[in-house]
Protein backbone atom coordinates (compact mmCIF):
# COMPACT_ATOMS: atom_id res chain seq x y z
CA UNK A 1 -2.04 95.47 78.58
CA UNK A 2 -2.29 99.38 78.36
CA UNK A 3 1.10 99.31 76.20
CA UNK A 4 0.01 96.54 73.97
CA UNK A 5 -3.55 98.14 73.40
CA UNK A 6 -1.86 101.60 72.81
CA UNK A 7 0.88 100.13 70.79
CA UNK A 8 -1.85 98.51 68.51
CA UNK A 9 -3.45 101.80 68.25
CA UNK A 10 -0.22 103.82 67.36
CA UNK A 11 1.47 101.20 65.19
CA UNK A 12 -1.00 101.54 62.13
CA UNK A 13 -0.81 105.43 62.33
CA UNK A 14 3.06 105.13 62.08
CA UNK A 15 3.48 102.72 59.41
CA UNK A 16 0.30 102.91 57.43
CA UNK A 17 -0.60 105.68 55.03
CA UNK A 18 -4.16 105.44 56.12
CA UNK A 19 -5.80 104.01 59.30
CA UNK A 20 -9.12 104.17 61.13
CA UNK A 21 -10.23 102.58 64.47
CA UNK A 22 -12.59 102.24 66.84
CA UNK A 23 -12.14 101.52 70.79
CA UNK A 24 -15.49 100.84 72.53
CA UNK A 25 -16.43 99.70 75.78
CA UNK A 26 -19.68 99.56 77.96
CA UNK A 27 -22.94 97.54 78.40
CA UNK A 28 -25.28 96.95 75.57
CA UNK A 29 -28.99 96.47 75.45
CA UNK A 30 -28.81 92.79 76.19
CA UNK A 31 -26.98 93.20 79.45
CA UNK A 32 -23.54 92.25 78.05
CA UNK A 33 -20.33 93.90 79.11
CA UNK A 34 -17.96 94.43 76.38
CA UNK A 35 -14.66 95.85 75.34
CA UNK A 36 -13.66 95.93 71.60
CA UNK A 37 -11.13 97.22 69.05
CA UNK A 38 -11.91 97.71 65.47
CA UNK A 39 -9.08 98.69 63.15
CA UNK A 40 -8.68 99.03 59.37
CA UNK A 41 -5.27 99.82 57.98
CA UNK A 42 -3.64 100.44 54.68
CA UNK A 43 0.19 100.39 54.26
CA UNK A 44 0.42 100.28 50.40
CA UNK A 45 2.50 103.52 50.78
CA UNK A 46 5.15 101.74 52.59
CA UNK A 47 8.45 100.46 51.10
CA UNK A 48 8.49 96.93 49.83
CA UNK A 49 10.74 95.90 52.53
CA UNK A 50 8.37 97.00 55.19
CA UNK A 51 5.06 95.76 53.63
CA UNK A 52 5.82 92.03 54.67
CA UNK A 53 6.90 93.12 58.21
CA UNK A 54 3.97 95.16 58.78
CA UNK A 55 1.55 92.39 57.62
CA UNK A 56 3.03 89.78 59.99
CA UNK A 57 2.93 92.28 62.69
CA UNK A 58 -0.82 92.60 62.30
CA UNK A 59 -1.21 88.79 62.23
CA UNK A 60 0.90 88.53 65.41
CA UNK A 61 -1.29 91.21 67.19
CA UNK A 62 -4.45 89.40 66.19
CA UNK A 63 -3.19 86.11 67.20
CA UNK A 64 -2.28 87.54 70.74
CA UNK A 65 -5.49 89.12 71.43
CA UNK A 66 -7.23 85.81 70.52
CA UNK A 67 -5.20 83.20 72.14
CA UNK A 68 -3.43 85.02 74.98
CA UNK A 69 -6.28 87.66 75.97
CA UNK A 70 -9.41 85.66 75.11
CA UNK A 71 -10.95 88.11 72.64
CA UNK A 72 -13.00 86.87 69.88
CA UNK A 73 -11.14 88.01 66.99
CA UNK A 74 -12.34 88.41 63.22
CA UNK A 75 -9.62 89.42 60.78
CA UNK A 76 -8.92 90.03 56.93
CA UNK A 77 -5.15 90.63 56.32
CA UNK A 78 -3.79 91.03 52.78
CA UNK A 79 -0.51 92.16 51.56
CA UNK A 80 -0.96 95.76 52.15
CA UNK A 81 -4.41 95.91 54.08
CA UNK A 82 -5.93 94.68 57.42
CA UNK A 83 -9.32 94.79 58.85
CA UNK A 84 -9.53 93.68 62.62
CA UNK A 85 -12.43 93.31 64.87
CA UNK A 86 -11.45 92.13 68.40
CA UNK A 87 -14.27 91.95 71.07
CA UNK A 88 -14.42 90.70 74.56
CA UNK A 89 -17.89 90.08 75.58
CA UNK A 90 -19.19 88.94 79.24
CA UNK A 91 -22.89 88.38 79.38
CA UNK A 92 -24.95 89.14 82.59
CA UNK A 93 -28.51 88.69 83.99
CA UNK A 94 -29.22 92.34 84.76
CA UNK A 95 -27.79 95.71 83.88
CA UNK A 96 -26.33 96.02 87.44
CA UNK A 97 -24.49 92.69 86.93
CA UNK A 98 -23.33 93.79 83.49
CA UNK A 99 -22.08 97.21 84.89
CA UNK A 100 -19.96 95.44 87.54
CA UNK A 101 -18.58 93.16 84.73
CA UNK A 102 -17.57 96.05 82.86
CA UNK A 103 -15.75 97.51 85.85
CA UNK A 104 -13.78 94.46 86.28
CA UNK A 105 -12.69 94.40 82.60
CA UNK A 106 -11.75 98.16 82.49
CA UNK A 107 -9.83 97.97 85.99
CA UNK A 108 -7.98 94.99 85.16
CA UNK A 109 -4.43 95.92 84.21
CA UNK A 110 -4.13 92.76 81.91
CA UNK A 111 -6.94 94.14 79.77
CA UNK A 112 -7.56 97.73 80.08
CA UNK A 113 -6.43 100.39 77.46
CA UNK A 114 -7.05 103.29 79.93
CA UNK A 115 -4.84 105.06 82.21
CA UNK A 116 -7.81 106.11 84.50
CA UNK A 117 -11.17 104.44 85.17
CA UNK A 118 -13.77 105.71 87.62
CA UNK A 119 -17.06 103.86 87.75
CA UNK A 120 -20.15 104.09 90.19
CA UNK A 121 -23.62 102.78 90.38
CA UNK A 122 -26.05 105.21 91.75
CA UNK A 123 -29.40 103.57 92.84
CA UNK A 124 -32.51 105.43 93.53
CA UNK A 125 -36.26 104.96 94.34
CA UNK A 126 -37.51 105.94 90.75
CA UNK A 127 -34.50 106.14 88.82
CA UNK A 128 -31.20 104.16 88.97
CA UNK A 129 -27.86 105.33 87.24
CA UNK A 130 -24.50 104.37 85.92
CA UNK A 131 -21.49 106.66 86.16
CA UNK A 132 -18.35 105.97 84.09
CA UNK A 133 -15.36 108.03 83.40
CA UNK A 134 -12.22 106.98 81.25
CA UNK A 135 -9.17 108.35 80.16
CA UNK A 136 -6.88 107.34 77.31
CA UNK A 137 -3.33 108.69 77.10
CA UNK A 138 -2.27 108.06 73.47
CA UNK A 139 -0.37 111.51 73.63
CA UNK A 140 1.80 110.30 76.44
CA UNK A 141 2.77 107.28 74.45
CA UNK A 142 3.74 109.26 71.41
CA UNK A 143 5.75 111.69 73.49
CA UNK A 144 7.62 108.97 75.23
CA UNK A 145 8.44 107.46 71.76
CA UNK A 146 10.25 110.66 70.49
CA UNK A 147 10.52 110.87 66.71
CA UNK A 148 13.80 112.87 67.32
CA UNK A 149 16.17 109.96 66.60
CA UNK A 150 14.30 108.96 63.35
CA UNK A 151 15.57 110.10 59.85
CA UNK A 152 13.78 113.27 58.83
CA UNK A 153 12.08 111.92 55.83
CA UNK A 154 10.76 108.84 58.00
CA UNK A 155 9.56 111.16 60.89
CA UNK A 156 7.89 113.24 58.22
CA UNK A 157 6.07 110.31 56.91
CA UNK A 158 5.01 109.15 60.39
CA UNK A 159 3.81 112.48 61.25
CA UNK A 160 1.57 112.69 58.05
CA UNK A 161 0.34 109.45 58.77
CA UNK A 162 -1.02 110.15 62.08
CA UNK A 163 -2.56 113.33 60.55
CA UNK A 164 -4.49 111.22 57.97
CA UNK A 165 -5.61 108.80 60.31
CA UNK A 166 -8.46 108.78 63.02
CA UNK A 167 -9.49 106.70 65.90
CA UNK A 168 -12.77 107.11 67.95
CA UNK A 169 -13.35 106.24 71.57
CA UNK A 170 -16.83 105.14 72.67
CA UNK A 171 -18.52 104.68 75.90
CA UNK A 172 -21.88 102.91 76.12
CA UNK A 173 -24.05 102.42 79.37
CA UNK A 174 -27.77 101.27 79.98
CA UNK A 175 -30.28 104.06 80.45
CA UNK A 176 -33.29 106.02 79.27
CA UNK A 177 -31.53 109.26 79.31
CA UNK A 178 -28.14 110.84 79.90
CA UNK A 179 -27.87 112.83 83.34
CA UNK A 180 -24.72 114.12 82.59
CA UNK A 181 -22.07 113.65 79.87
CA UNK A 182 -18.73 115.25 78.66
CA UNK A 183 -19.88 115.27 75.07
CA UNK A 184 -23.30 115.26 73.44
CA UNK A 185 -24.95 111.56 74.03
CA UNK A 186 -26.88 109.54 71.67
CA UNK A 187 -29.73 107.44 72.82
CA UNK A 188 -30.67 104.08 71.06
CA UNK A 189 -32.37 100.79 72.12
CA UNK A 190 -32.35 101.54 75.91
CA UNK A 191 -28.58 102.51 75.90
CA UNK A 192 -26.83 105.90 76.03
CA UNK A 193 -23.45 106.40 74.02
CA UNK A 194 -20.86 108.96 73.82
CA UNK A 195 -17.97 109.17 71.54
CA UNK A 196 -14.85 111.27 70.95
CA UNK A 197 -11.93 111.20 68.50
CA UNK A 198 -8.79 110.11 70.15
CA UNK A 199 -6.27 112.95 70.62
CA UNK A 200 -2.66 112.38 69.95
CA UNK A 201 -1.64 115.62 71.23
CA UNK A 202 -3.33 115.51 74.76
CA UNK A 203 -5.28 112.94 76.74
CA UNK A 204 -8.70 111.91 75.70
CA UNK A 205 -11.35 111.87 78.23
CA UNK A 206 -14.87 110.60 78.21
CA UNK A 207 -17.56 110.76 81.00
CA UNK A 208 -21.32 109.53 81.00
CA UNK A 209 -23.94 109.21 83.71
CA UNK A 210 -26.85 107.33 82.28
CA UNK A 211 -30.19 107.27 84.12
CA UNK A 212 -32.89 104.39 84.04
CA UNK A 213 -36.58 104.81 84.92
CA UNK A 214 -37.26 101.91 87.47
CA UNK A 215 -40.71 102.82 88.48
CA UNK A 216 -42.40 102.45 85.00
CA UNK A 217 -43.45 106.34 85.18
CA UNK A 218 -42.48 109.00 83.02
CA UNK A 219 -40.34 111.84 84.64
CA UNK A 220 -43.18 114.30 84.01
CA UNK A 221 -45.37 111.87 86.00
CA UNK A 222 -43.05 111.69 89.03
CA UNK A 223 -42.54 115.41 88.82
CA UNK A 224 -46.29 115.96 89.16
CA UNK A 225 -46.51 113.39 91.67
CA UNK A 226 -43.79 114.85 93.79
CA UNK A 227 -45.71 118.23 93.48
CA UNK A 228 -48.71 116.64 94.53
CA UNK A 229 -47.36 115.22 97.65
CA UNK A 230 -45.70 118.55 98.48
CA UNK A 231 -49.09 120.24 98.03
CA UNK A 232 -50.68 117.66 100.46
CA UNK A 233 -47.96 118.16 102.89
CA UNK A 234 -48.50 121.84 102.94
CA UNK A 235 -52.35 121.41 103.29
CA UNK A 236 -51.85 118.78 106.20
CA UNK A 237 -49.31 121.31 107.76
CA UNK A 238 -51.81 124.14 107.50
CA UNK A 239 -54.63 122.13 109.18
CA UNK A 240 -52.29 121.09 111.87
CA UNK A 241 -51.35 124.64 112.63
CA UNK A 242 -54.97 125.67 112.56
CA UNK A 243 -55.89 122.86 115.05
CA UNK A 244 -52.89 123.54 117.22
CA UNK A 245 -54.08 127.25 117.40
CA UNK A 246 -57.68 126.49 118.19
CA UNK A 247 -56.57 124.02 121.00
CA UNK A 248 -54.51 126.79 122.45
CA UNK A 249 -57.33 129.44 122.19
CA UNK A 250 -59.58 126.84 123.91
CA UNK A 251 -57.21 126.07 126.87
CA UNK A 252 -56.57 129.91 127.45
CA UNK A 253 -60.30 130.56 127.50
CA UNK A 254 -60.83 127.68 129.88
CA UNK A 255 -58.17 129.06 132.15
CA UNK A 256 -59.36 132.82 132.03
CA UNK A 257 -62.98 131.80 132.93
CA UNK A 258 -64.11 133.06 136.45
CA UNK A 259 -64.83 130.14 138.71
CA UNK A 260 -68.25 131.63 139.45
CA UNK A 261 -69.45 131.18 135.88
CA UNK A 262 -69.42 127.42 136.27
CA UNK A 263 -72.80 125.66 137.27
CA UNK A 264 -71.65 123.71 140.50
């Protein structure tokens, strides 16, 4: 699937004069784990002989995702343009279950577009967190498919097509805030999202740790509460030290008192 997914990513860039795409995965605000690919392509600049072949290729790709892989596919394909929206959604009852479903999707060799996936749930008393790291190696695919054997004019056309096109990679996790991320995150409707353009000269890496407040209190309140608890501990510890010191002095005085001082 990695090769099919990346081929779908690269093919429009190789053959179309303009293409934009979006690969997104994550957990949405309704506890759905999802993996989707949206792609818009225009190959009006291709030769007449290539136009129909490219159109049939997009039709075949859309059919494969829908009938073989189980994606929900919405497509609009004309003689020289294509608009594909392919999405796999797995609903869950809780964010924890949705996160596990996402891990199942992204680590499934039959589905994942990524070369590396690392995911971890981070439970806590007041805050719970979800951490995910994904790596996409479109550059490696291009490197393996060397353009050296192409005619110079076609190689130049392909290179220019890649330059004029753009694909965005997005990762979304449930959370009130981003505890850590590889790029600047956005927060909306209870989910945190990071995104980055897909590089065709090096691997593309995204990481995100999203934190959710499970106590119902603000982080400022929790911090104040922690300081208050710490202060009480210090006070109790101080009183305990004073009590121990007083007890020691009393015992010392009793031991040092002359027996004749007692009223027998």
